[in-house]
Protein backbone atom coordinates (compact mmCIF):
# COMPACT_ATOMS: atom_id res chain seq x y z
CA MET A 1 91.32 48.68 186.53
CA ASN A 2 92.15 48.58 182.78
CA SER A 3 92.70 45.38 180.82
CA GLN A 4 96.48 45.77 180.84
CA ASN A 5 96.68 46.03 184.65
CA LEU A 6 94.23 43.16 184.98
CA PHE A 7 96.42 41.02 182.75
CA GLN A 8 99.53 41.99 184.70
CA ARG A 9 97.85 40.83 187.92
CA LEU A 10 96.33 37.64 186.54
CA CYS A 11 99.21 36.49 184.34
CA PRO A 12 101.50 35.38 187.24
CA ILE A 13 98.61 33.54 188.88
CA PHE A 14 97.71 31.86 185.60
CA CYS A 15 101.32 30.85 184.98
CA VAL A 16 101.76 29.39 188.48
CA PHE A 17 98.49 27.49 188.17
CA SER A 18 99.48 26.18 184.73
CA LEU A 19 102.86 25.00 185.93
CA ALA A 20 101.32 23.36 188.98
CA LEU A 21 98.78 21.60 186.77
CA SER A 22 101.51 20.44 184.43
CA PHE A 23 103.58 19.17 187.37
CA GLN A 24 100.57 17.35 188.79
CA ILE A 25 99.89 15.64 185.46
CA SER A 26 103.55 14.74 185.09
CA ALA A 27 103.70 13.36 188.61
CA GLY A 28 100.54 11.39 188.00
CA SER A 29 101.90 9.99 184.79
CA THR A 30 105.08 8.93 186.54
CA ILE A 31 103.18 7.09 189.24
CA GLU A 32 100.77 5.57 186.73
CA GLY A 33 103.38 4.67 184.18
CA LYS A 34 106.00 2.88 186.28
CA THR A 35 105.65 -0.53 187.89
CA PRO A 36 104.22 -0.05 191.38
CA GLU A 37 106.49 -0.83 194.25
CA VAL A 38 104.64 -3.69 195.89
CA PRO A 39 105.14 -4.27 199.60
CA LYS A 40 106.13 -7.75 200.72
CA LEU A 41 103.51 -10.21 199.49
CA ARG A 42 102.31 -13.46 200.93
CA CYS A 43 102.17 -16.20 198.33
CA VAL A 44 101.06 -19.84 198.30
CA VAL A 45 104.13 -22.10 198.19
CA TYR A 46 103.85 -25.64 196.80
CA LYS A 47 106.29 -28.19 195.35
CA ASP A 48 104.93 -31.45 193.98
CA ASP A 49 108.23 -33.27 194.55
CA LYS A 50 107.98 -32.52 198.26
CA CYS A 51 104.30 -33.41 198.64
CA ASN A 52 102.25 -36.54 198.00
CA SER A 53 98.65 -37.55 198.21
CA SER A 54 99.00 -38.69 201.79
CA ILE A 55 99.80 -35.17 202.98
CA GLU A 56 96.88 -32.77 203.13
CA HIS A 57 97.41 -29.06 202.87
CA CYS A 58 101.03 -29.57 201.81
CA GLU A 59 101.17 -26.01 200.52
CA THR A 60 102.25 -23.25 202.87
CA ILE A 61 102.13 -19.45 202.95
CA GLN A 62 105.39 -17.58 202.39
CA GLU A 63 106.22 -13.86 202.70
CA CYS A 64 108.22 -12.72 199.65
CA ASP A 65 111.17 -10.33 199.88
CA SER A 66 111.75 -7.24 197.69
CA GLU A 67 113.77 -9.18 195.13
CA MET A 68 110.87 -11.58 194.55
CA PRO A 69 107.83 -9.28 194.68
CA HIS A 70 105.33 -11.48 192.80
CA CYS A 71 103.52 -14.79 193.20
CA PHE A 72 103.57 -17.56 190.58
CA THR A 73 102.11 -20.93 189.76
CA ALA A 74 103.46 -23.52 187.29
CA TRP A 75 101.45 -26.59 186.30
CA ARG A 76 100.98 -29.24 183.68
CA ASN A 77 97.86 -30.09 181.76
CA THR A 78 96.78 -33.74 182.00
CA SER A 79 93.81 -35.72 180.77
CA ASN A 80 92.39 -35.43 184.26
CA GLY A 81 92.81 -31.64 184.32
CA ILE A 82 95.49 -29.44 185.88
CA ASP A 83 98.34 -30.84 187.93
CA ILE A 84 100.08 -28.12 190.01
CA MET A 85 103.87 -28.44 189.93
CA LYS A 86 105.17 -25.41 191.82
CA GLN A 87 103.94 -22.24 193.52
CA GLY A 88 105.82 -19.49 195.31
CA CYS A 89 107.53 -16.10 194.98
CA TRP A 90 108.71 -14.78 191.62
CA ALA A 91 111.09 -12.07 190.40
CA ASP A 92 109.89 -8.76 188.90
CA GLN A 93 108.59 -9.04 185.35
CA ASP A 94 106.23 -6.87 183.31
CA MET A 95 103.90 -9.77 182.63
CA CYS A 96 103.41 -10.22 186.40
CA ASP A 97 101.89 -6.75 186.74
CA GLN A 98 98.34 -8.11 187.16
CA GLU A 99 96.02 -8.85 190.02
CA ASN A 100 94.99 -12.38 188.95
CA CYS A 101 97.15 -15.29 187.98
CA ILE A 102 96.39 -15.52 184.27
CA GLN A 103 98.45 -17.87 182.13
CA SER A 104 101.13 -16.12 180.09
CA GLN A 105 100.34 -16.06 176.38
CA LYS A 106 103.96 -16.79 175.61
CA ILE A 107 104.21 -20.37 174.43
CA THR A 108 106.30 -22.43 176.84
CA SER A 109 106.60 -26.11 177.61
CA VAL A 110 105.30 -25.51 181.13
CA PRO A 111 102.11 -23.47 181.65
CA PHE A 112 102.84 -20.55 183.94
CA CYS A 113 101.19 -17.48 185.47
CA CYS A 114 102.25 -14.77 187.91
CA CYS A 115 100.58 -11.86 189.70
CA ASN A 116 101.15 -9.11 192.30
CA LYS A 117 98.39 -9.42 194.92
CA PRO A 118 98.48 -11.35 198.22
CA LEU A 119 97.78 -15.07 197.67
CA CYS A 120 96.84 -14.29 194.05
CA ASN A 121 98.48 -17.53 192.87
CA GLN A 122 95.94 -19.57 194.80
CA ASP A 123 93.56 -19.36 191.84
CA ILE A 124 94.79 -19.61 188.26
CA THR A 125 93.32 -18.94 184.84
CA PRO A 126 94.83 -21.24 182.20
CA ILE A 127 94.36 -20.65 178.49
CA ASN A 128 91.39 -22.68 177.14
CA TYR A 129 90.63 -23.88 180.67
CA PRO A 130 88.11 -22.52 183.09
CA PRO A 131 89.39 -21.03 186.38
CA THR A 132 90.64 -23.93 188.51
CA SER A 133 91.60 -24.14 192.15
CA THR A 134 94.88 -25.59 193.20
CA PRO A 135 94.81 -28.92 195.08
CA SER A 136 94.91 -27.15 198.40
CA THR A 137 91.86 -24.98 197.86
CA THR A 138 88.59 -25.96 199.35
CA GLY A 139 86.75 -25.78 196.05
CA THR A 140 85.71 -22.16 195.85
CA ASP A 141 85.89 -21.03 192.19
CA THR A 142 87.15 -17.52 191.82
CA SER A 143 86.68 -15.71 188.55
CA SER A 144 89.81 -13.98 187.44
CA THR A 145 89.88 -10.62 185.78
CA LYS A 146 91.91 -10.38 182.64
CA THR A 147 94.37 -7.47 182.70
CA ASN A 148 95.95 -5.54 179.90
CA PRO A 149 98.92 -7.22 178.23
CA PRO A 150 102.33 -5.53 178.42
CA GLU A 151 101.75 -3.83 175.05
CA ASP A 152 98.73 -1.98 176.45
CA LYS A 153 100.74 -0.96 179.49
CA LEU A 154 103.50 0.46 177.29
CA LEU A 155 100.97 2.47 175.29
CA LYS A 156 99.47 3.72 178.51
CA THR A 157 102.88 4.82 179.79
CA LEU A 158 103.62 6.65 176.54
CA LEU A 159 100.30 8.47 176.67
CA TYR A 160 100.88 9.56 180.24
CA SER A 161 104.32 10.85 179.26
CA ILE A 162 103.18 12.75 176.16
CA VAL A 163 100.01 14.34 177.56
CA PRO A 164 101.84 16.62 180.07
CA ILE A 165 104.14 17.87 177.30
CA ILE A 166 101.16 18.67 175.06
CA VAL A 167 99.38 20.44 177.91
CA LEU A 168 102.51 22.47 178.72
CA VAL A 169 102.93 23.51 175.07
CA ILE A 170 99.29 24.61 174.91
CA ILE A 171 99.75 26.63 178.11
CA ILE A 172 102.88 28.35 176.75
CA ILE A 173 101.13 29.19 173.47
CA GLY A 174 98.15 30.54 175.39
CA VAL A 175 100.32 32.77 177.58
CA PHE A 176 102.22 34.01 174.50
CA PHE A 177 99.07 35.03 172.66
CA MET A 178 97.67 36.71 175.77
CA TRP A 179 100.90 38.68 176.10
CA ARG A 180 100.89 39.56 172.40
CA PHE A 181 97.26 40.65 172.54
CA TYR A 182 97.86 43.11 175.34
CA PHE A 183 101.40 44.29 174.64
CA LYS A 184 102.45 43.69 171.05
CA ASP A 185 99.57 45.01 168.99
CA ASN A 186 101.49 47.94 167.62
CA ARG A 187 99.49 48.21 164.45
CA TYR A 188 97.31 50.75 166.21
CA MET A 189 98.45 51.83 169.65
CA GLN A 190 96.64 54.45 171.66
CA HIS A 191 98.91 57.30 172.70
CA HIS A 192 99.79 57.84 176.30
CA GLN A 193 102.20 60.54 177.43
CA LEU A 194 105.44 59.41 179.04
CA SER A 195 105.14 59.76 182.79
CA THR A 196 107.08 57.67 185.28
CA GLY A 197 108.36 57.89 188.78
CA ASP A 198 111.77 58.84 187.38
CA PRO A 199 111.73 62.60 186.75
CA GLU A 200 114.56 62.16 184.26
CA LEU A 201 112.19 60.24 182.00
CA ASP A 202 109.39 62.83 182.00
CA LEU A 203 109.25 64.81 178.79
CA PRO A 204 108.55 68.53 178.47
CA PRO A 205 105.11 69.23 177.03
CA SER A 206 104.95 68.87 173.25
CA PRO A 207 103.74 71.78 171.10
CA HIS A 208 100.51 69.86 170.61
CA PRO A 209 99.16 66.63 172.07
CA LEU A 210 100.51 63.66 170.16
CA ARG A 211 97.84 61.66 168.46
CA PRO A 212 97.48 57.92 167.89
CA VAL A 213 100.08 56.56 165.49
CA GLN A 214 99.42 53.73 163.06
CA LEU A 215 102.59 51.97 161.94
CA GLU A 216 102.63 51.14 158.22
CA GLU A 217 105.96 49.59 157.21
CA VAL A 218 109.57 49.22 158.28
CA ARG A 219 111.80 51.56 156.30
CA ALA A 220 115.21 51.16 157.89
CA HIS A 221 117.21 49.28 160.50
CA GLY A 222 119.84 51.09 162.51
CA ARG A 223 122.23 50.51 165.37
CA PHE A 224 119.78 51.86 167.93
CA GLY A 225 116.45 50.63 166.56
CA VAL A 226 114.02 50.27 163.67
CA VAL A 227 112.51 53.14 161.68
CA TRP A 228 108.85 52.80 160.69
CA LYS A 229 106.76 54.82 158.31
CA GLY A 230 103.59 55.73 160.18
CA ILE A 231 100.41 57.76 160.01
CA MET A 232 99.55 60.23 162.76
CA THR A 233 95.99 61.33 161.90
CA ASP A 234 96.54 62.89 158.45
CA GLN A 235 100.32 63.32 158.71
CA VAL A 236 102.95 60.87 157.49
CA VAL A 237 105.64 60.48 160.15
CA ALA A 238 108.81 58.53 160.79
CA VAL A 239 108.87 56.54 164.03
CA LYS A 240 112.17 55.31 165.37
CA ILE A 241 111.40 52.46 167.81
CA MET A 242 114.20 51.61 170.21
CA PRO A 243 114.47 48.91 172.89
CA PHE A 244 114.69 50.11 176.47
CA LYS A 245 118.37 49.20 176.66
CA GLU A 246 119.00 52.13 174.27
CA ARG A 247 117.46 54.54 176.78
CA SER A 248 120.63 56.65 176.91
CA SER A 249 120.57 57.30 173.15
CA TRP A 250 116.83 58.01 173.26
CA MET A 251 117.30 60.49 176.11
CA THR A 252 120.21 62.20 174.36
CA GLU A 253 118.41 62.59 171.05
CA GLN A 254 115.26 64.12 172.48
CA GLU A 255 117.32 66.34 174.79
CA ILE A 256 119.27 67.71 171.83
CA TYR A 257 116.11 68.27 169.77
CA LYS A 258 114.49 70.15 172.64
CA LEU A 259 117.32 72.66 172.96
CA PRO A 260 116.51 76.24 171.98
CA HIS A 261 116.89 77.18 168.29
CA MET A 262 116.96 73.58 167.06
CA LYS A 263 114.42 74.19 164.31
CA HIS A 264 116.36 74.44 161.07
CA ASP A 265 115.63 73.50 157.46
CA ASN A 266 118.66 71.23 157.36
CA LEU A 267 118.04 69.42 160.65
CA LEU A 268 115.43 66.68 160.87
CA ALA A 269 112.15 68.12 162.19
CA PHE A 270 111.38 66.53 165.55
CA ILE A 271 107.75 65.93 166.60
CA GLY A 272 107.89 64.12 169.92
CA ALA A 273 109.20 61.32 172.11
CA GLU A 274 107.20 58.68 173.93
CA LYS A 275 107.64 55.60 176.05
CA ARG A 276 105.28 52.86 174.94
CA GLU A 277 105.36 49.76 177.11
CA GLU A 278 108.83 48.26 176.68
CA ASN A 279 109.78 50.43 173.67
CA LEU A 280 111.01 54.00 173.31
CA TRP A 281 109.71 56.07 170.41
CA LEU A 282 111.08 59.11 168.59
CA ILE A 283 108.62 60.65 166.14
CA SER A 284 109.80 62.97 163.36
CA VAL A 285 108.83 64.21 159.92
CA PHE A 286 108.97 61.46 157.27
CA HIS A 287 111.13 61.81 154.14
CA GLU A 288 110.32 59.40 151.32
CA PHE A 289 113.80 59.37 149.74
CA GLY A 290 115.31 58.09 152.98
CA SER A 291 119.01 58.34 153.69
CA LEU A 292 121.63 59.78 151.36
CA SER A 293 123.41 56.42 151.39
CA ASP A 294 120.30 54.56 150.23
CA TYR A 295 119.58 57.17 147.57
CA LEU A 296 123.09 57.02 146.12
CA LYS A 297 122.92 53.23 145.92
CA GLY A 298 120.07 53.43 143.42
CA ASN A 299 120.64 56.80 141.74
CA THR A 300 123.32 58.89 140.14
CA ILE A 301 123.24 62.66 140.64
CA THR A 302 123.96 65.62 138.40
CA TRP A 303 126.42 68.35 139.28
CA SER A 304 123.61 70.72 140.27
CA GLU A 305 122.07 68.03 142.49
CA LEU A 306 125.45 67.42 144.10
CA CYS A 307 125.76 71.12 144.87
CA LYS A 308 122.25 71.27 146.34
CA ILE A 309 122.80 68.23 148.58
CA ALA A 310 126.31 69.23 149.69
CA GLU A 311 125.39 72.88 150.35
CA SER A 312 122.34 72.00 152.45
CA MET A 313 124.17 69.22 154.29
CA THR A 314 127.11 71.41 155.28
CA ASN A 315 124.73 74.23 156.14
CA GLY A 316 122.96 71.92 158.61
CA LEU A 317 126.24 70.68 160.05
CA ALA A 318 127.53 74.25 160.41
CA TYR A 319 124.34 75.25 162.24
CA LEU A 320 124.67 72.24 164.54
CA HIS A 321 128.28 73.15 165.31
CA ASP A 322 127.60 76.83 165.75
CA GLU A 323 126.96 78.43 169.10
CA ILE A 324 124.24 81.04 169.42
CA PRO A 325 125.03 83.20 172.44
CA VAL A 326 122.43 84.42 174.89
CA ALA A 327 121.25 87.88 173.84
CA ARG A 328 118.64 90.29 175.19
CA GLY A 329 117.20 87.76 177.57
CA LEU A 330 116.73 85.13 174.86
CA GLU A 331 118.08 81.63 175.32
CA GLY A 332 121.16 80.66 173.43
CA LYS A 333 122.04 77.45 171.60
CA PRO A 334 125.16 75.50 172.57
CA SER A 335 127.60 74.14 170.06
CA ILE A 336 126.77 70.51 169.25
CA ALA A 337 128.99 67.76 167.83
CA HIS A 338 127.18 64.97 165.99
CA ARG A 339 129.77 62.20 166.65
CA ASP A 340 128.21 59.75 164.17
CA PHE A 341 128.13 61.75 160.96
CA LYS A 342 127.79 59.57 157.85
CA SER A 343 125.68 59.29 154.70
CA LYS A 344 123.27 56.96 156.50
CA ASN A 345 122.46 59.77 158.95
CA VAL A 346 121.77 62.38 156.28
CA LEU A 347 118.20 62.32 154.94
CA LEU A 348 116.99 63.72 151.62
CA LYS A 349 113.83 65.79 151.32
CA ASP A 350 111.58 65.77 148.27
CA ASP A 351 113.51 68.69 146.73
CA LEU A 352 116.83 66.87 147.27
CA THR A 353 117.97 69.19 150.01
CA ALA A 354 119.53 67.42 152.98
CA CYS A 355 118.69 67.32 156.65
CA ILE A 356 120.83 65.81 159.39
CA ALA A 357 119.32 63.12 161.62
CA ASP A 358 120.21 60.57 164.32
CA LEU A 359 121.54 62.65 167.19
CA GLY A 360 121.67 59.79 169.69
CA LEU A 361 125.44 60.17 170.17
CA ALA A 362 125.53 63.96 169.93
CA ILE A 363 127.15 66.03 172.64
CA LYS A 364 126.53 69.68 173.53
CA PHE A 365 129.12 72.18 174.74
CA GLU A 366 127.64 74.84 176.99
CA PRO A 367 129.88 77.70 178.16
CA GLY A 368 131.27 77.07 181.62
CA LYS A 369 129.91 73.53 181.78
CA SER A 370 131.59 70.18 181.37
CA PRO A 371 130.21 68.03 178.54
CA GLY A 372 129.91 65.20 181.08
CA GLU A 373 131.13 61.66 180.69
CA THR A 374 132.17 61.28 177.09
CA HIS A 375 133.58 58.18 175.48
CA GLY A 376 135.93 58.96 172.64
CA LEU A 377 135.57 55.73 170.66
CA VAL A 378 132.00 56.11 169.42
CA GLY A 379 130.47 56.28 165.97
CA THR A 380 130.89 54.09 162.90
CA ARG A 381 134.37 52.62 162.35
CA ARG A 382 134.46 53.45 158.65
CA TYR A 383 133.92 57.15 159.38
CA MET A 384 136.20 57.44 162.43
CA ALA A 385 138.91 60.07 162.24
CA PRO A 386 142.56 59.01 162.73
CA GLU A 387 142.74 60.51 166.22
CA VAL A 388 139.64 58.54 167.25
CA LEU A 389 141.05 55.29 165.88
CA GLU A 390 144.29 55.70 167.82
CA GLY A 391 142.58 57.02 170.95
CA ALA A 392 144.45 60.32 170.96
CA ILE A 393 141.73 62.97 171.07
CA SER A 394 141.36 65.93 173.34
CA PHE A 395 137.95 66.03 175.01
CA ASN A 396 137.05 69.58 174.07
CA ARG A 397 134.62 71.16 171.65
CA ASP A 398 136.99 71.84 168.76
CA ALA A 399 138.36 68.30 168.82
CA PHE A 400 134.88 66.82 168.43
CA LEU A 401 133.87 69.28 165.70
CA ARG A 402 136.97 68.34 163.69
CA ILE A 403 136.02 64.67 164.01
CA ASP A 404 132.68 65.52 162.38
CA MET A 405 134.51 67.34 159.57
CA TYR A 406 136.64 64.29 158.79
CA ALA A 407 133.44 62.28 158.30
CA CYS A 408 131.92 65.14 156.28
CA GLY A 409 134.81 64.89 153.81
CA LEU A 410 134.05 61.18 153.33
CA VAL A 411 130.36 61.87 152.69
CA MET A 412 131.26 64.52 150.10
CA TRP A 413 133.51 61.93 148.45
CA GLU A 414 130.47 59.62 148.23
CA LEU A 415 128.53 62.39 146.48
CA MET A 416 131.35 62.97 143.99
CA SER A 417 131.66 59.24 143.26
CA ARG A 418 128.05 59.14 142.04
CA CYS A 419 128.06 62.40 140.08
CA SER A 420 127.42 62.07 136.34
CA GLY A 421 128.90 65.48 135.52
CA SER A 422 132.16 64.18 134.08
CA ASP A 423 132.59 62.43 130.73
CA ALA A 424 133.40 59.05 132.31
CA PRO A 425 130.86 56.37 133.28
CA VAL A 426 129.66 56.55 136.86
CA GLU A 427 130.90 53.62 138.92
CA ASP A 428 128.72 51.58 141.27
CA TYR A 429 128.13 53.07 144.68
CA GLN A 430 130.68 52.17 147.32
CA LEU A 431 131.14 53.28 150.90
CA PRO A 432 134.37 55.06 151.82
CA TYR A 433 137.28 52.58 151.97
CA GLU A 434 135.08 49.75 150.67
CA GLU A 435 137.40 49.37 147.68
CA GLU A 436 140.41 49.09 149.99
CA ILE A 437 139.12 46.92 152.88
CA GLY A 438 135.67 45.65 151.94
CA SER A 439 132.22 45.91 153.51
CA HIS A 440 132.95 44.93 157.11
CA PRO A 441 136.22 46.42 158.31
CA THR A 442 137.47 45.73 161.79
CA LEU A 443 138.87 48.39 164.07
CA GLU A 444 142.35 47.01 163.39
CA ASP A 445 141.76 47.26 159.61
CA MET A 446 140.82 50.92 159.94
CA GLN A 447 143.75 51.70 162.23
CA GLU A 448 146.24 50.18 159.80
CA LEU A 449 144.72 51.85 156.74
CA VAL A 450 143.90 55.33 158.07
CA VAL A 451 146.37 55.86 160.91
CA MET A 452 149.47 53.94 159.91
CA LYS A 453 149.28 54.05 156.09
CA LYS A 454 147.37 57.38 156.00
CA ILE A 455 145.31 56.20 153.06
CA ARG A 456 142.13 58.03 151.98
CA PRO A 457 139.45 57.10 149.43
CA SER A 458 140.82 57.37 145.91
CA VAL A 459 140.26 60.54 143.89
CA LYS A 460 139.25 59.51 140.35
CA ASP A 461 141.23 60.82 137.40
CA HIS A 462 138.13 61.87 135.46
CA TRP A 463 137.02 64.18 138.28
CA ILE A 464 139.84 66.52 137.29
CA ARG A 465 138.25 66.90 133.84
CA HIS A 466 135.14 68.45 135.44
CA ALA A 467 135.66 71.98 136.70
CA GLY A 468 133.29 71.67 139.65
CA LEU A 469 134.55 68.28 140.85
CA GLU A 470 138.14 69.44 140.46
CA ALA A 471 137.35 72.48 142.60
CA LEU A 472 135.91 70.27 145.34
CA ILE A 473 138.92 67.96 145.61
CA PRO A 474 141.06 70.31 147.76
CA THR A 475 138.11 70.88 150.09
CA ILE A 476 137.47 67.21 150.81
CA GLU A 477 141.21 66.66 151.27
CA GLU A 478 141.28 69.46 153.84
CA CYS A 479 138.26 67.89 155.58
CA TRP A 480 140.00 64.55 156.06
CA ASP A 481 143.49 65.89 156.75
CA GLN A 482 145.58 63.68 159.01
CA ASP A 483 146.29 66.71 161.17
CA ALA A 484 143.01 67.48 162.92
CA GLU A 485 143.94 71.14 163.45
CA ALA A 486 144.39 71.60 159.69
CA ARG A 487 140.82 70.60 158.87
CA VAL A 488 138.39 73.21 157.64
CA SER A 489 135.18 74.02 159.52
CA ALA A 490 131.66 73.28 158.33
CA ASP A 491 131.07 77.02 157.83
CA CYS A 492 134.10 77.21 155.59
CA VAL A 493 133.07 74.21 153.49
CA HIS A 494 129.59 75.64 153.08
CA GLU A 495 130.96 78.99 151.90
CA ARG A 496 133.31 77.28 149.44
CA LEU A 497 130.46 75.27 147.98
CA LEU A 498 128.43 78.42 147.48
CA GLN A 499 131.36 80.10 145.73
CA ILE A 500 132.05 77.10 143.50
CA GLY A 501 128.40 76.73 142.64
CA ARG A 502 128.06 80.39 141.73
CA THR A 503 131.14 80.87 139.64
CA LEU A 504 132.80 77.56 138.69
CA ASN A 505 135.83 79.74 138.14
CA VAL A 506 138.85 77.53 138.68
CA SER A 507 141.36 79.75 136.97
CA ASN A 508 142.44 80.92 140.39
CA SER A 509 143.85 78.47 142.88
CA THR A 510 140.69 77.04 144.40
CA SER A 511 142.78 75.01 146.76
CA HIS A 512 143.44 78.27 148.58
CA LEU A 513 139.84 79.47 148.79
CA LEU A 514 139.35 81.11 152.17
CA CYS A 515 136.10 81.40 154.03
CA PRO A 516 134.96 84.87 155.07
CA ASN A 517 136.59 85.73 158.40
CA GLN A 518 138.27 82.33 158.47
CA GLU A 519 141.27 83.78 160.22
CA THR A 520 139.07 85.10 163.05
CA THR A 521 136.51 82.33 163.26
CA HIS A 522 135.28 81.56 166.77
CA TYR A 523 136.44 77.93 166.50
CA GLN A 524 139.53 78.26 168.66
CA ILE A 525 142.40 75.88 167.97
CA SER A 526 143.52 73.71 170.85
CA THR A 527 146.26 71.14 171.00
CA ILE A 528 145.24 67.53 170.55
CA SER A 529 146.91 65.18 172.93
CA SER A 530 148.87 62.41 171.34
């Protein structure tokens, strides 16, 4: 039995024992700290106004009721000694919580003592007087035991109340550190392949056995999890760690990556997927520059860099969208829609070429098969196409690919907004529509702006003074067209970028640049329901 299984078996026992111990201490403190409920006591009863020297044994024994659960004696000090005035039952008081009748230290005109044991008021202990028997006693001196004053009792009660709380806190801290020791030490976790009773969770064999991964630092936070930079033997890797509640996204992403023909220069290189205790891991190649969004926040780009990023990005998106048919017994690749395309999900390599990542919401379209249960309103609000915002999409392949192209137009606008190719100063980086509706738009904000007002991110005047940027404007406008069927495909955008980059010849009407075979492209047009 390994240490983890041993802990899993012993932890419940330890917790139950700890709680029982805490309860026992608390119960003990309650019993110790409160005034004991004394059964009916028998007390000596004496009244000097009812007795005289001619009557022997004038005192009697009385059984006290629950409202008078203590015995008392009151006397006066005379030159001849102590003269008992009254004895009997007494009401509940803290100073009576003692076995012997010891005079109260409170200064009163009449000396007084009370106690809680049967016939305890028969012998009294006055202050500055030795123990003295009452007139009715037969002369047997009984030494009284001094008890703690009420202040000591209060301290005792407080201690008994606080100790269980301290013990419980120590137990909780102990259990936490035991749990952390066995389950949360992710700084260096030994690899174990995912294998569960659920066959849906078992992964196909990786190209090579995954090795231990050492997590170095957090590099990004996303909707589905946290991305770490890690070391896998001598290779730097990116590790996306997701909570188990994101199992659906984790399953989708690895399923997409494991499809045939998914190795492409402009798609993030996938290494493996694992289930580690309560977390789900996706391991991929690490790219130091991070996301396109993060890069544009801190850097401007030249025209040539814009072309390189845009060409590689649209090339990756076109490959994702494209369907590779089965041929000569080889497996084909289905058409795939990303469904959450944005600058945050485009990574930059060291040479500033782009690769597309984060396929947790992607959907594949296999010939003759239904795409399964698909929710239309997914993705990031800021990048949602008009038909998504108004809930009027058709659940077919072309509809989803056009949604990706709308978002692609917004990402290309982000690239243009940070390009230093024109003669005007480059403005600070902003997300699409940030100028119009701020950093945290609601769904209603986006619906009003994009669907009802049909507003798009502003095209800057100085872009027109740069031949390349001017040539790109019609393309991004066709990407985000209000009419989904009028949007250009990723293949078309990629071809246009190559043409613009090669020639920069805008003497012809670049707004009417056609992609090769655009009229006969295999992306069939289908009506979008409204």
